[in-house]
Protein backbone atom coordinates (compact mmCIF):
# COMPACT_ATOMS: atom_id res chain seq x y z
CA UNK A 1 19.97 154.55 83.27
CA UNK A 2 17.04 154.65 80.86
CA UNK A 3 16.26 158.27 81.75
CA UNK A 4 19.88 159.31 81.31
CA UNK A 5 20.05 157.51 77.96
CA UNK A 6 16.86 159.15 76.73
CA UNK A 7 18.03 162.60 77.85
CA UNK A 8 21.47 162.16 76.27
CA UNK A 9 20.07 161.00 72.96
CA UNK A 10 17.49 163.79 72.94
CA UNK A 11 20.37 166.29 73.03
CA UNK A 12 22.02 164.81 69.93
CA UNK A 13 18.90 164.02 67.87
CA UNK A 14 19.27 167.14 65.75
CA UNK A 15 22.90 166.40 64.79
CA UNK A 16 22.03 164.02 61.97
CA UNK A 17 18.80 162.84 60.31
CA UNK A 18 19.71 159.21 60.96
CA UNK A 19 19.88 159.82 64.72
CA UNK A 20 16.43 161.40 64.54
CA UNK A 21 15.05 158.58 62.44
CA UNK A 22 16.48 155.80 64.62
CA UNK A 23 16.49 157.55 68.00
CA UNK A 24 14.88 154.56 69.76
CA UNK A 25 17.69 152.29 68.53
CA UNK A 26 20.28 154.90 69.50
CA UNK A 27 18.83 154.93 73.03
CA UNK A 28 19.04 151.14 73.18
CA UNK A 29 22.64 151.26 71.92
CA UNK A 30 23.47 153.90 74.52
CA UNK A 31 22.05 151.70 77.29
CA UNK A 32 23.96 148.65 76.00
CA UNK A 33 27.25 150.58 75.80
CA UNK A 34 26.72 151.96 79.29
CA UNK A 35 25.98 148.50 80.66
CA UNK A 36 29.04 147.02 78.96
CA UNK A 37 31.20 149.86 80.30
CA UNK A 38 29.95 149.26 83.85
CA UNK A 39 30.45 145.50 83.48
CA UNK A 40 34.00 145.81 82.13
CA UNK A 41 35.21 148.46 84.50
CA UNK A 42 33.23 147.14 87.44
CA UNK A 43 33.35 150.33 89.48
CA UNK A 44 30.20 152.30 88.74
CA UNK A 45 31.01 155.02 91.29
CA UNK A 46 34.34 155.76 89.58
CA UNK A 47 32.70 155.72 86.17
CA UNK A 48 30.03 158.14 87.38
CA UNK A 49 32.71 160.45 88.79
CA UNK A 50 34.52 160.38 85.44
CA UNK A 51 31.33 161.12 83.53
CA UNK A 52 30.56 163.94 85.95
CA UNK A 53 34.01 165.37 85.29
CA UNK A 54 33.41 165.15 81.55
CA UNK A 55 30.09 166.90 82.01
CA UNK A 56 31.89 169.64 83.95
CA UNK A 57 33.72 170.51 80.73
CA UNK A 58 30.43 171.23 78.96
CA UNK A 59 29.71 174.37 81.02
CA UNK A 60 32.89 176.26 80.08
CA UNK A 61 32.57 175.24 76.44
CA UNK A 62 28.95 176.33 76.26
CA UNK A 63 29.54 179.57 78.16
CA UNK A 64 32.60 180.38 76.07
CA UNK A 65 30.58 179.83 72.90
CA UNK A 66 27.80 182.09 74.18
CA UNK A 67 30.27 184.81 75.12
CA UNK A 68 31.76 184.74 71.63
CA UNK A 69 28.29 184.71 70.06
CA UNK A 70 27.30 187.74 72.15
CA UNK A 71 29.66 189.84 70.03
CA UNK A 72 28.54 188.57 66.62
CA UNK A 73 26.28 191.18 65.02
CA UNK A 74 24.65 188.63 62.72
CA UNK A 75 23.52 186.70 65.82
CA UNK A 76 22.57 189.40 68.34
CA UNK A 77 21.83 192.33 66.06
CA UNK A 78 22.11 195.65 67.86
CA UNK A 79 22.43 194.11 71.35
CA UNK A 80 25.48 195.34 73.27
CA UNK A 81 26.76 192.77 75.76
CA UNK A 82 28.20 194.43 78.90
CA UNK A 83 31.98 194.13 79.19
CA UNK A 84 31.79 193.29 82.89
CA UNK A 85 29.59 190.26 82.11
CA UNK A 86 32.06 189.13 79.47
CA UNK A 87 34.97 189.45 81.91
CA UNK A 88 33.04 187.61 84.63
CA UNK A 89 31.99 184.93 82.16
CA UNK A 90 35.55 184.57 80.92
CA UNK A 91 36.71 184.07 84.51
CA UNK A 92 34.07 181.34 85.00
CA UNK A 93 35.13 179.66 81.73
CA UNK A 94 38.76 179.56 82.84
CA UNK A 95 38.08 178.39 86.41
CA UNK A 96 35.54 175.73 85.40
CA UNK A 97 37.77 174.54 82.55
CA UNK A 98 40.77 174.15 84.86
CA UNK A 99 38.70 172.42 87.55
CA UNK A 100 37.16 170.06 85.00
CA UNK A 101 40.56 169.12 83.58
CA UNK A 102 42.09 168.63 87.04
CA UNK A 103 39.18 166.39 88.03
CA UNK A 104 39.59 164.35 84.84
CA UNK A 105 43.31 163.94 85.48
CA UNK A 106 42.56 162.73 89.01
CA UNK A 107 39.67 160.42 88.08
CA UNK A 108 40.94 158.62 84.97
CA UNK A 109 43.70 156.72 86.84
CA UNK A 110 41.14 155.53 89.42
CA UNK A 111 39.32 153.61 86.69
CA UNK A 112 42.33 151.37 86.14
CA UNK A 113 43.30 150.59 89.77
C-alpha cells in the first residue's frame, strides 16, 4: 500500500506546487483514503479489480494523446510518423478503451453486492 501510494503521488507531484511542497502529507492522505475505502467496502479483491479496470483506461488515453502529438509540428518538428503505426495505434486505443469500459461496467456492481 505504501509503495503504491508513493508511486501514485509521484506521478501527480508536478500538477501543482502545493502537491510538490506537501507530497509527504499527500502520500499519507492517499494511504488513509485507501484504508477507509477498503474498510467501508470490505472487499479488497473487488476494489483492486475496479482500480485495475480504471488503470486500463490510462493506456488508451495516453496512447491516443501520443498519436495526436505525433502529428503536431511544434512538438515533433520534421519527424514523419508512419501511417501504419497510427492506424495500429488507433486500433489499440479503440480495443483497449472498449475493454476497459466493459470491465468497469462489470466490476462496479460487484462492489455493492
